[in-house]
C-alpha atoms as a PDB file:
ATOM      1  CA  MET A   1     109.055 101.039  96.310  1.00  0.00           C
ATOM      2  CA  LYS A   2     107.551  97.964  97.119  1.00  0.00           C
ATOM      3  CA  PHE A   3     107.060  94.987  94.385  1.00  0.00           C
ATOM      4  CA  GLY A   4     104.610  92.267  94.035  1.00  0.00           C
ATOM      5  CA  ILE A   5     103.671  89.587  91.471  1.00  0.00           C
ATOM      6  CA  SER A   6     100.639  88.267  90.191  1.00  0.00           C
ATOM      7  CA  TYR A   7      99.714  84.586  89.510  1.00  0.00           C
ATOM      8  CA  SER A   8      96.811  84.447  86.910  1.00  0.00           C
ATOM      9  CA  THR A   9      95.231  80.734  87.253  1.00  0.00           C
ATOM     10  CA  PRO A  10      93.229  81.610  84.300  1.00  0.00           C
ATOM     11  CA  TYR A  11      96.445  82.073  82.331  1.00  0.00           C
ATOM     12  CA  TYR A  12      99.048  80.142  84.402  1.00  0.00           C
ATOM     13  CA  GLY A  13      96.842  77.080  84.969  1.00  0.00           C
ATOM     14  CA  THR A  14      95.618  75.041  88.081  1.00  0.00           C
ATOM     15  CA  ASP A  15      98.478  72.672  88.705  1.00  0.00           C
ATOM     16  CA  PRO A  16      99.505  72.739  92.467  1.00  0.00           C
ATOM     17  CA  GLU A  17     103.025  72.153  91.750  1.00  0.00           C
ATOM     18  CA  LYS A  18     103.213  74.935  89.424  1.00  0.00           C
ATOM     19  CA  LEU A  19     101.392  77.162  91.787  1.00  0.00           C
ATOM     20  CA  VAL A  20     103.550  76.328  94.749  1.00  0.00           C
ATOM     21  CA  ALA A  21     106.865  76.590  92.586  1.00  0.00           C
ATOM     22  CA  PHE A  22     106.105  80.246  91.602  1.00  0.00           C
ATOM     23  CA  ALA A  23     105.344  81.262  95.056  1.00  0.00           C
ATOM     24  CA  ARG A  24     108.297  80.097  96.400  1.00  0.00           C
ATOM     25  CA  LEU A  25     110.395  81.746  93.450  1.00  0.00           C
ATOM     26  CA  ALA A  26     108.818  85.023  93.813  1.00  0.00           C
ATOM     27  CA  GLU A  27     109.428  84.742  97.597  1.00  0.00           C
ATOM     28  CA  GLU A  28     113.224  83.535  96.874  1.00  0.00           C
ATOM     29  CA  CYS A  29     113.559  86.472  94.406  1.00  0.00           C
ATOM     30  CA  GLY A  30     112.413  89.107  97.083  1.00  0.00           C
ATOM     31  CA  PHE A  31     108.991  90.101  95.988  1.00  0.00           C
ATOM     32  CA  GLU A  32     106.923  91.502  98.864  1.00  0.00           C
ATOM     33  CA  SER A  33     103.716  89.796  97.717  1.00  0.00           C
ATOM     34  CA  ILE A  34     101.697  87.752  95.404  1.00  0.00           C
ATOM     35  CA  TYR A  35      98.320  88.228  93.888  1.00  0.00           C
ATOM     36  CA  VAL A  36      95.612  86.330  92.551  1.00  0.00           C
ATOM     37  CA  PRO A  37      92.260  87.609  90.860  1.00  0.00           C
ATOM     38  CA  GLU A  38      88.832  86.265  91.358  1.00  0.00           C
ATOM     39  CA  HIS A  39      85.721  85.352  89.234  1.00  0.00           C
ATOM     40  CA  ILE A  40      83.226  83.219  90.906  1.00  0.00           C
ATOM     41  CA  VAL A  41      81.224  81.959  87.766  1.00  0.00           C
ATOM     42  CA  LEU A  42      81.696  82.621  83.918  1.00  0.00           C
ATOM     43  CA  TYR A  43      79.237  82.167  81.035  1.00  0.00           C
ATOM     44  CA  PRO A  44      79.059  82.273  77.546  1.00  0.00           C
ATOM     45  CA  GLY A  45      79.200  85.776  76.045  1.00  0.00           C
ATOM     46  CA  ALA A  46      80.531  87.490  79.268  1.00  0.00           C
ATOM     47  CA  LYS A  47      82.423  90.684  78.436  1.00  0.00           C
ATOM     48  CA  VAL A  48      84.455  93.144  80.151  1.00  0.00           C
ATOM     49  CA  GLY A  49      84.354  96.051  77.463  1.00  0.00           C
ATOM     50  CA  ALA A  50      85.032  94.525  74.311  1.00  0.00           C
ATOM     51  CA  PHE A  51      86.875  91.703  75.458  1.00  0.00           C
ATOM     52  CA  GLU A  52      84.765  88.376  75.725  1.00  0.00           C
ATOM     53  CA  ILE A  53      86.026  86.150  78.519  1.00  0.00           C
ATOM     54  CA  PRO A  54      86.428  82.399  77.488  1.00  0.00           C
ATOM     55  CA  ALA A  55      83.793  80.870  79.969  1.00  0.00           C
ATOM     56  CA  ALA A  56      85.933  77.730  80.574  1.00  0.00           C
ATOM     57  CA  LEU A  57      88.709  79.996  82.033  1.00  0.00           C
ATOM     58  CA  PRO A  58      89.742  78.178  85.409  1.00  0.00           C
ATOM     59  CA  TYR A  59      89.820  80.811  88.042  1.00  0.00           C
ATOM     60  CA  LEU A  60      90.629  79.075  91.661  1.00  0.00           C
ATOM     61  CA  ASP A  61      88.938  80.557  94.622  1.00  0.00           C
ATOM     62  CA  PRO A  62      91.323  83.479  95.661  1.00  0.00           C
ATOM     63  CA  LEU A  63      91.225  82.547  99.605  1.00  0.00           C
ATOM     64  CA  ASP A  64      91.628  78.922  99.284  1.00  0.00           C
ATOM     65  CA  CYS A  65      94.431  79.706  96.720  1.00  0.00           C
ATOM     66  CA  LEU A  66      96.157  81.972  99.242  1.00  0.00           C
ATOM     67  CA  SER A  67      95.721  79.601 101.867  1.00  0.00           C
ATOM     68  CA  PHE A  68      97.631  77.115  99.949  1.00  0.00           C
ATOM     69  CA  ILE A  69     100.306  79.514  98.980  1.00  0.00           C
ATOM     70  CA  ALA A  70     100.794  80.409 102.590  1.00  0.00           C
ATOM     71  CA  ALA A  71     101.302  76.811 103.755  1.00  0.00           C
ATOM     72  CA  ALA A  72     104.152  76.613 101.016  1.00  0.00           C
ATOM     73  CA  THR A  73     105.987  79.815 101.864  1.00  0.00           C
ATOM     74  CA  GLU A  74     107.243  81.664 104.844  1.00  0.00           C
ATOM     75  CA  ARG A  75     107.273  85.607 104.205  1.00  0.00           C
ATOM     76  CA  ILE A  76     105.543  86.741 101.405  1.00  0.00           C
ATOM     77  CA  LEU A  77     102.417  88.753 101.673  1.00  0.00           C
ATOM     78  CA  LEU A  78      99.112  87.560 100.270  1.00  0.00           C
ATOM     79  CA  GLY A  79      96.941  89.634  98.158  1.00  0.00           C
ATOM     80  CA  THR A  80      93.888  89.797  95.804  1.00  0.00           C
ATOM     81  CA  GLY A  81      93.787  91.470  92.771  1.00  0.00           C
ATOM     82  CA  VAL A  82      90.614  91.685  93.033  1.00  0.00           C
ATOM     83  CA  LEU A  83      87.966  89.790  95.131  1.00  0.00           C
ATOM     84  CA  LEU A  84      84.377  91.027  94.124  1.00  0.00           C
ATOM     85  CA  LEU A  85      83.320  92.040  97.608  1.00  0.00           C
ATOM     86  CA  PRO A  86      79.359  92.682  96.541  1.00  0.00           C
ATOM     87  CA  TYR A  87      79.445  88.580  95.970  1.00  0.00           C
ATOM     88  CA  HIS A  88      80.594  87.737  99.408  1.00  0.00           C
ATOM     89  CA  HIS A  89      78.498  87.790 102.736  1.00  0.00           C
ATOM     90  CA  PRO A  90      80.833  89.924 104.824  1.00  0.00           C
ATOM     91  CA  VAL A  91      80.103  87.874 107.809  1.00  0.00           C
ATOM     92  CA  ILE A  92      81.594  84.936 106.224  1.00  0.00           C
ATOM     93  CA  LEU A  93      84.078  86.657 104.537  1.00  0.00           C
ATOM     94  CA  ALA A  94      85.476  88.225 108.011  1.00  0.00           C
ATOM     95  CA  LYS A  95      85.777  84.906 109.404  1.00  0.00           C
ATOM     96  CA  ARG A  96      87.575  83.542 106.223  1.00  0.00           C
ATOM     97  CA  LEU A  97      89.834  86.454 105.820  1.00  0.00           C
ATOM     98  CA  ALA A  98      91.064  86.280 109.509  1.00  0.00           C
ATOM     99  CA  THR A  99      91.523  82.757 109.367  1.00  0.00           C
ATOM    100  CA  VAL A 100      94.191  83.036 106.365  1.00  0.00           C
ATOM    101  CA  ASP A 101      95.543  86.040 108.338  1.00  0.00           C
ATOM    102  CA  VAL A 102      96.379  83.995 111.301  1.00  0.00           C
ATOM    103  CA  LEU A 103      97.111  80.793 109.939  1.00  0.00           C
ATOM    104  CA  SER A 104      99.643  82.522 107.532  1.00  0.00           C
ATOM    105  CA  GLY A 105     101.212  84.532 110.477  1.00  0.00           C
ATOM    106  CA  GLY A 106      99.893  87.816 109.697  1.00  0.00           C
ATOM    107  CA  ARG A 107     100.160  87.820 106.039  1.00  0.00           C
ATOM    108  CA  MET A 108      96.838  88.237 104.390  1.00  0.00           C
ATOM    109  CA  ARG A 109      97.505  91.895 104.453  1.00  0.00           C
ATOM    110  CA  LEU A 110      96.630  93.160 100.645  1.00  0.00           C
ATOM    111  CA  LEU A 111      93.082  92.346 100.372  1.00  0.00           C
ATOM    112  CA  THR A 112      91.816  94.422  97.188  1.00  0.00           C
ATOM    113  CA  VAL A 113      88.289  94.376  96.536  1.00  0.00           C
ATOM    114  CA  GLY A 114      86.203  95.313  93.538  1.00  0.00           C
ATOM    115  CA  LEU A 115      82.703  95.620  92.251  1.00  0.00           C
ATOM    116  CA  GLY A 116      82.778  92.955  89.450  1.00  0.00           C
ATOM    117  CA  ALA A 117      81.814  93.908  85.825  1.00  0.00           C
ATOM    118  CA  LEU A 118      79.811  91.158  84.771  1.00  0.00           C
ATOM    119  CA  PRO A 119      75.915  91.329  85.208  1.00  0.00           C
ATOM    120  CA  GLY A 120      75.335  87.754  84.837  1.00  0.00           C
ATOM    121  CA  GLU A 121      77.967  86.926  87.628  1.00  0.00           C
ATOM    122  CA  ALA A 122      75.818  89.369  89.701  1.00  0.00           C
ATOM    123  CA  GLU A 123      72.615  87.698  88.649  1.00  0.00           C
ATOM    124  CA  ALA A 124      73.735  84.277  89.350  1.00  0.00           C
ATOM    125  CA  LEU A 125      74.777  85.105  92.991  1.00  0.00           C
ATOM    126  CA  GLY A 126      71.394  86.925  93.681  1.00  0.00           C
ATOM    127  CA  VAL A 127      72.840  90.429  93.908  1.00  0.00           C
ATOM    128  CA  ASP A 128      71.309  93.473  92.322  1.00  0.00           C
ATOM    129  CA  PHE A 129      74.125  94.856  89.644  1.00  0.00           C
ATOM    130  CA  ALA A 130      72.817  98.479  90.044  1.00  0.00           C
ATOM    131  CA  THR A 131      73.405  98.565  93.868  1.00  0.00           C
ATOM    132  CA  ARG A 132      76.597  96.520  94.073  1.00  0.00           C
ATOM    133  CA  GLY A 133      78.435  99.617  95.128  1.00  0.00           C
ATOM    134  CA  ARG A 134      76.555 100.334  97.823  1.00  0.00           C
ATOM    135  CA  ARG A 135      76.837  96.976  98.937  1.00  0.00           C
ATOM    136  CA  ALA A 136      80.319  96.925  98.587  1.00  0.00           C
ATOM    137  CA  ASP A 137      80.640 100.039 101.031  1.00  0.00           C
ATOM    138  CA  GLU A 138      78.114  98.575 103.479  1.00  0.00           C
ATOM    139  CA  ALA A 139      80.605  95.079 103.405  1.00  0.00           C
ATOM    140  CA  ILE A 140      83.842  97.051 103.988  1.00  0.00           C
ATOM    141  CA  ALA A 141      81.972  98.551 107.211  1.00  0.00           C
ATOM    142  CA  VAL A 142      80.489  95.087 108.483  1.00  0.00           C
ATOM    143  CA  LEU A 143      84.000  93.645 107.931  1.00  0.00           C
ATOM    144  CA  ARG A 144      85.819  96.273 110.273  1.00  0.00           C
ATOM    145  CA  LEU A 145      82.967  96.111 112.904  1.00  0.00           C
ATOM    146  CA  LEU A 146      83.148  92.275 113.131  1.00  0.00           C
ATOM    147  CA  TRP A 147      87.178  92.192 113.366  1.00  0.00           C
ATOM    148  CA  SER A 148      87.331  95.168 115.814  1.00  0.00           C
ATOM    149  CA  GLY A 149      84.483  93.977 118.087  1.00  0.00           C
ATOM    150  CA  GLY A 150      84.778  92.185 121.289  1.00  0.00           C
ATOM    151  CA  GLU A 151      83.175  89.447 123.522  1.00  0.00           C
ATOM    152  CA  GLU A 152      80.150  91.785 124.177  1.00  0.00           C
ATOM    153  CA  GLY A 153      79.202  91.506 120.544  1.00  0.00           C
ATOM    154  CA  VAL A 154      78.421  93.926 117.817  1.00  0.00           C
ATOM    155  CA  ARG A 155      75.293  95.300 115.680  1.00  0.00           C
ATOM    156  CA  HIS A 156      74.671  96.258 112.487  1.00  0.00           C
ATOM    157  CA  THR A 157      71.431  97.617 110.706  1.00  0.00           C
ATOM    158  CA  GLY A 158      71.901  98.569 107.117  1.00  0.00           C
ATOM    159  CA  GLU A 159      70.574  98.613 103.779  1.00  0.00           C
ATOM    160  CA  PHE A 160      71.873  94.826 102.864  1.00  0.00           C
ATOM    161  CA  PHE A 161      73.072  93.377 106.128  1.00  0.00           C
ATOM    162  CA  ALA A 162      71.556  93.397 109.565  1.00  0.00           C
ATOM    163  CA  PHE A 163      72.813  91.682 112.937  1.00  0.00           C
ATOM    164  CA  SER A 164      72.528  91.806 116.750  1.00  0.00           C
ATOM    165  CA  ASN A 165      75.216  90.754 119.273  1.00  0.00           C
ATOM    166  CA  LEU A 166      77.446  89.295 116.888  1.00  0.00           C
ATOM    167  CA  VAL A 167      80.929  87.844 118.141  1.00  0.00           C
ATOM    168  CA  SER A 168      83.566  86.828 115.364  1.00  0.00           C
ATOM    169  CA  TYR A 169      86.716  85.141 116.312  1.00  0.00           C
ATOM    170  CA  PRO A 170      89.543  84.580 115.657  1.00  0.00           C
ATOM    171  CA  LYS A 171      90.646  88.268 114.944  1.00  0.00           C
ATOM    172  CA  PRO A 172      93.225  89.425 112.273  1.00  0.00           C
ATOM    173  CA  HIS A 173      96.977  88.480 113.616  1.00  0.00           C
ATOM    174  CA  GLN A 174      97.986  91.209 115.952  1.00  0.00           C
ATOM    175  CA  ILE A 175      96.073  94.234 114.383  1.00  0.00           C
ATOM    176  CA  ALA A 176      92.490  95.393 114.893  1.00  0.00           C
ATOM    177  CA  ASN A 177      91.709  95.243 111.107  1.00  0.00           C
ATOM    178  CA  LEU A 178      92.978  94.018 107.779  1.00  0.00           C
ATOM    179  CA  PRO A 179      93.806  96.702 105.290  1.00  0.00           C
ATOM    180  CA  ILE A 180      91.270  96.980 102.733  1.00  0.00           C
ATOM    181  CA  HIS A 181      92.488  98.252  99.453  1.00  0.00           C
ATOM    182  CA  VAL A 182      90.153  99.340  96.607  1.00  0.00           C
ATOM    183  CA  GLY A 183      90.564  98.211  93.220  1.00  0.00           C
ATOM    184  CA  GLY A 184      88.925  99.919  89.885  1.00  0.00           C
ATOM    185  CA  SER A 185      89.757 102.424  87.293  1.00  0.00           C
ATOM    186  CA  SER A 186      86.845 104.452  87.515  1.00  0.00           C
ATOM    187  CA  ALA A 187      85.984 107.901  89.189  1.00  0.00           C
ATOM    188  CA  PRO A 188      83.660 106.085  91.864  1.00  0.00           C
ATOM    189  CA  ALA A 189      86.306 103.749  92.733  1.00  0.00           C
ATOM    190  CA  ALA A 190      88.769 106.211  93.300  1.00  0.00           C
ATOM    191  CA  ARG A 191      86.481 108.082  95.596  1.00  0.00           C
ATOM    192  CA  ARG A 192      85.592 104.845  97.323  1.00  0.00           C
ATOM    193  CA  ALA A 193      89.412 104.350  97.993  1.00  0.00           C
ATOM    194  CA  GLY A 194      89.573 107.837  99.524  1.00  0.00           C
ATOM    195  CA  ARG A 195      86.531 107.490 101.704  1.00  0.00           C
ATOM    196  CA  LEU A 196      86.994 103.853 102.691  1.00  0.00           C
ATOM    197  CA  GLY A 197      89.985 102.291 101.525  1.00  0.00           C
ATOM    198  CA  ASP A 198      93.648 101.601 103.190  1.00  0.00           C
ATOM    199  CA  GLY A 199      95.034 101.945  99.420  1.00  0.00           C
ATOM    200  CA  TYR A 200      94.122 102.259  95.895  1.00  0.00           C
ATOM    201  CA  PHE A 201      95.014  99.665  93.258  1.00  0.00           C
ATOM    202  CA  PRO A 202      93.259 100.693  89.830  1.00  0.00           C
ATOM    203  CA  GLY A 203      94.924  98.117  87.541  1.00  0.00           C
ATOM    204  CA  GLY A 204      95.053  98.226  83.758  1.00  0.00           C
ATOM    205  CA  ARG A 205      95.715 102.085  82.610  1.00  0.00           C
ATOM    206  CA  PRO A 206      94.127 104.338  84.814  1.00  0.00           C
ATOM    207  CA  ASP A 207      94.015 108.027  84.432  1.00  0.00           C
ATOM    208  CA  PRO A 208      96.607 109.614  86.785  1.00  0.00           C
ATOM    209  CA  ALA A 209      93.999 112.019  88.090  1.00  0.00           C
ATOM    210  CA  GLN A 210      92.382 109.309  89.790  1.00  0.00           C
ATOM    211  CA  TRP A 211      94.992 108.942  92.409  1.00  0.00           C
ATOM    212  CA  GLU A 212      94.419 112.666  92.898  1.00  0.00           C
ATOM    213  CA  LEU A 213      90.713 112.131  93.394  1.00  0.00           C
ATOM    214  CA  VAL A 214      91.452 109.313  95.839  1.00  0.00           C
ATOM    215  CA  ARG A 215      93.786 112.083  97.948  1.00  0.00           C
ATOM    216  CA  THR A 216      91.313 115.085  97.553  1.00  0.00           C
ATOM    217  CA  THR A 217      88.050 112.520  98.529  1.00  0.00           C
ATOM    218  CA  ALA A 218      90.120 111.397 101.848  1.00  0.00           C
ATOM    219  CA  ILE A 219      90.974 115.013 102.587  1.00  0.00           C
ATOM    220  CA  ALA A 220      87.337 115.844 102.161  1.00  0.00           C
ATOM    221  CA  THR A 221      86.039 113.033 104.622  1.00  0.00           C
ATOM    222  CA  GLY A 222      88.592 113.904 107.190  1.00  0.00           C
ATOM    223  CA  ARG A 223      91.214 111.127 106.519  1.00  0.00           C
ATOM    224  CA  ASP A 224      94.998 111.312 105.859  1.00  0.00           C
ATOM    225  CA  PRO A 225      95.573 110.787 102.044  1.00  0.00           C
ATOM    226  CA  ASP A 226      99.676 110.221 102.872  1.00  0.00           C
ATOM    227  CA  ALA A 227      98.567 107.234 105.145  1.00  0.00           C
ATOM    228  CA  LEU A 228      97.101 105.446 101.767  1.00  0.00           C
ATOM    229  CA  GLU A 229      98.983 103.309  99.500  1.00  0.00           C
ATOM    230  CA  TYR A 230      98.847 103.435  95.854  1.00  0.00           C
ATOM    231  CA  THR A 231      99.446 100.380  93.825  1.00  0.00           C
ATOM    232  CA  ARG A 232      99.982 100.120  90.123  1.00  0.00           C
ATOM    233  CA  THR A 233     100.521  96.897  87.635  1.00  0.00           C
ATOM    234  CA  ALA A 234     103.492  96.843  85.264  1.00  0.00           C
ATOM    235  CA  PRO A 235     105.061  94.265  83.068  1.00  0.00           C
ATOM    236  CA  ILE A 236     107.918  92.164  83.990  1.00  0.00           C
ATOM    237  CA  ASP A 237     110.153  94.363  81.481  1.00  0.00           C
ATOM    238  CA  LEU A 238     109.653  97.402  83.612  1.00  0.00           C
ATOM    239  CA  SER A 239     112.165  99.809  83.015  1.00  0.00           C
ATOM    240  CA  PRO A 240     114.200 101.910  85.473  1.00  0.00           C
ATOM    241  CA  ASP A 241     112.825 105.082  83.470  1.00  0.00           C
ATOM    242  CA  ARG A 242     109.368 103.847  83.867  1.00  0.00           C
ATOM    243  CA  LEU A 243     109.749 102.983  87.416  1.00  0.00           C
ATOM    244  CA  ALA A 244     111.017 106.395  88.222  1.00  0.00           C
ATOM    245  CA  ALA A 245     107.772 108.072  86.288  1.00  0.00           C
ATOM    246  CA  LEU A 246     105.676 105.828  88.467  1.00  0.00           C
ATOM    247  CA  THR A 247     107.257 106.864  91.670  1.00  0.00           C
ATOM    248  CA  ARG A 248     106.864 110.531  91.008  1.00  0.00           C
ATOM    249  CA  GLU A 249     103.083 110.005  90.288  1.00  0.00           C
ATOM    250  CA  GLY A 250     103.042 108.728  93.887  1.00  0.00           C
ATOM    251  CA  VAL A 251     102.909 105.018  93.306  1.00  0.00           C
ATOM    252  CA  THR A 252     104.090 102.871  96.507  1.00  0.00           C
ATOM    253  CA  ARG A 253     103.785  99.431  95.009  1.00  0.00           C
ATOM    254  CA  ILE A 254     104.233  97.491  91.899  1.00  0.00           C
ATOM    255  CA  VAL A 255     102.856  94.322  90.951  1.00  0.00           C
ATOM    256  CA  VAL A 256     104.201  93.094  87.872  1.00  0.00           C
ATOM    257  CA  ASN A 257     103.113  89.982  85.891  1.00  0.00           C
ATOM    258  CA  THR A 258     105.134  87.583  83.330  1.00  0.00           C
ATOM    259  CA  PRO A 259     103.597  86.266  80.183  1.00  0.00           C
ATOM    260  CA  ALA A 260     105.821  82.816  80.553  1.00  0.00           C
ATOM    261  CA  THR A 261     104.078  79.864  81.541  1.00  0.00           C
ATOM    262  CA  THR A 262     107.021  77.655  81.947  1.00  0.00           C
ATOM    263  CA  VAL A 263     108.690  77.345  85.503  1.00  0.00           C
ATOM    264  CA  GLU A 264     112.015  77.791  83.680  1.00  0.00           C
ATOM    265  CA  GLN A 265     111.005  80.845  81.804  1.00  0.00           C
ATOM    266  CA  GLN A 266     109.369  82.302  84.720  1.00  0.00           C
ATOM    267  CA  ARG A 267     112.579  81.828  86.864  1.00  0.00           C
ATOM    268  CA  ARG A 268     114.457  83.689  84.323  1.00  0.00           C
ATOM    269  CA  ASP A 269     111.692  86.634  84.043  1.00  0.00           C
ATOM    270  CA  LEU A 270     111.682  86.850  88.052  1.00  0.00           C
ATOM    271  CA  THR A 271     115.318  86.807  88.523  1.00  0.00           C
ATOM    272  CA  ASP A 272     116.115  89.463  86.064  1.00  0.00           C
ATOM    273  CA  PHE A 273     113.726  91.646  87.585  1.00  0.00           C
ATOM    274  CA  ALA A 274     114.836  91.190  90.926  1.00  0.00           C
ATOM    275  CA  ARG A 275     118.469  91.556  89.755  1.00  0.00           C
ATOM    276  CA  ARG A 276     117.472  94.669  87.772  1.00  0.00           C
ATOM    277  CA  PHE A 277     115.679  96.681  90.989  1.00  0.00           C
ATOM    278  CA  GLY A 278     118.050  94.952  93.711  1.00  0.00           C
ATOM    279  CA  LEU A 279     114.909  93.094  95.476  1.00  0.00           C
END
């Protein structure tokens, strides 16, 4: 089992010293990875289900945040949980992700993408909320095309993006394409992970049947389901029994979070977790 940790800037704040201290602590404790979330814009009344998101929550840009973390650490892998893919142009995003990967020495390896759940956020960015799933699918194809293309250039003609003879450098560090994990606790997200993803990260409290849907979709599209990673969230007080249950479900990575907002309590929580599971 691999273990990651999430750093929620809306909850922990945007103090750069605290961010660096947290990332270094996670690395010191043996965590494999650190994840940060994304919202590009919020607005009064924005809701995910019945939960209204306070409009003033401070979401740092995830890739800028991960670049900052990379500069202050040496080993820990960098992840998004999740990056809202339909709201990014893939030509620009390919460059930004490859740049972080190169400058971090190959640590931008846990990109997790989602669709976004706020219609007002999509509207503000000029994206049709109803077609954002198809837009994300095409963006994944464009990212991989640009990363794998050579000096002769690549072309693409799709529903949302079109270009001819584009050359995008730098490439990801020592691999052809960065892994792309698919986030979302829905059947369409599970199917997208099976068709297109390198892994699945449902978050929240997903239906265990969704992982089986990922696997059956992968098989139906001629992909190897055993090559896909399965990431789930858990609280910092995760018990060995619960970990064993998640392992039996096929989970390959656990991303935990701590409610602590002080550096001292965060250190206690992460250190206790690391000792409990022998990180």
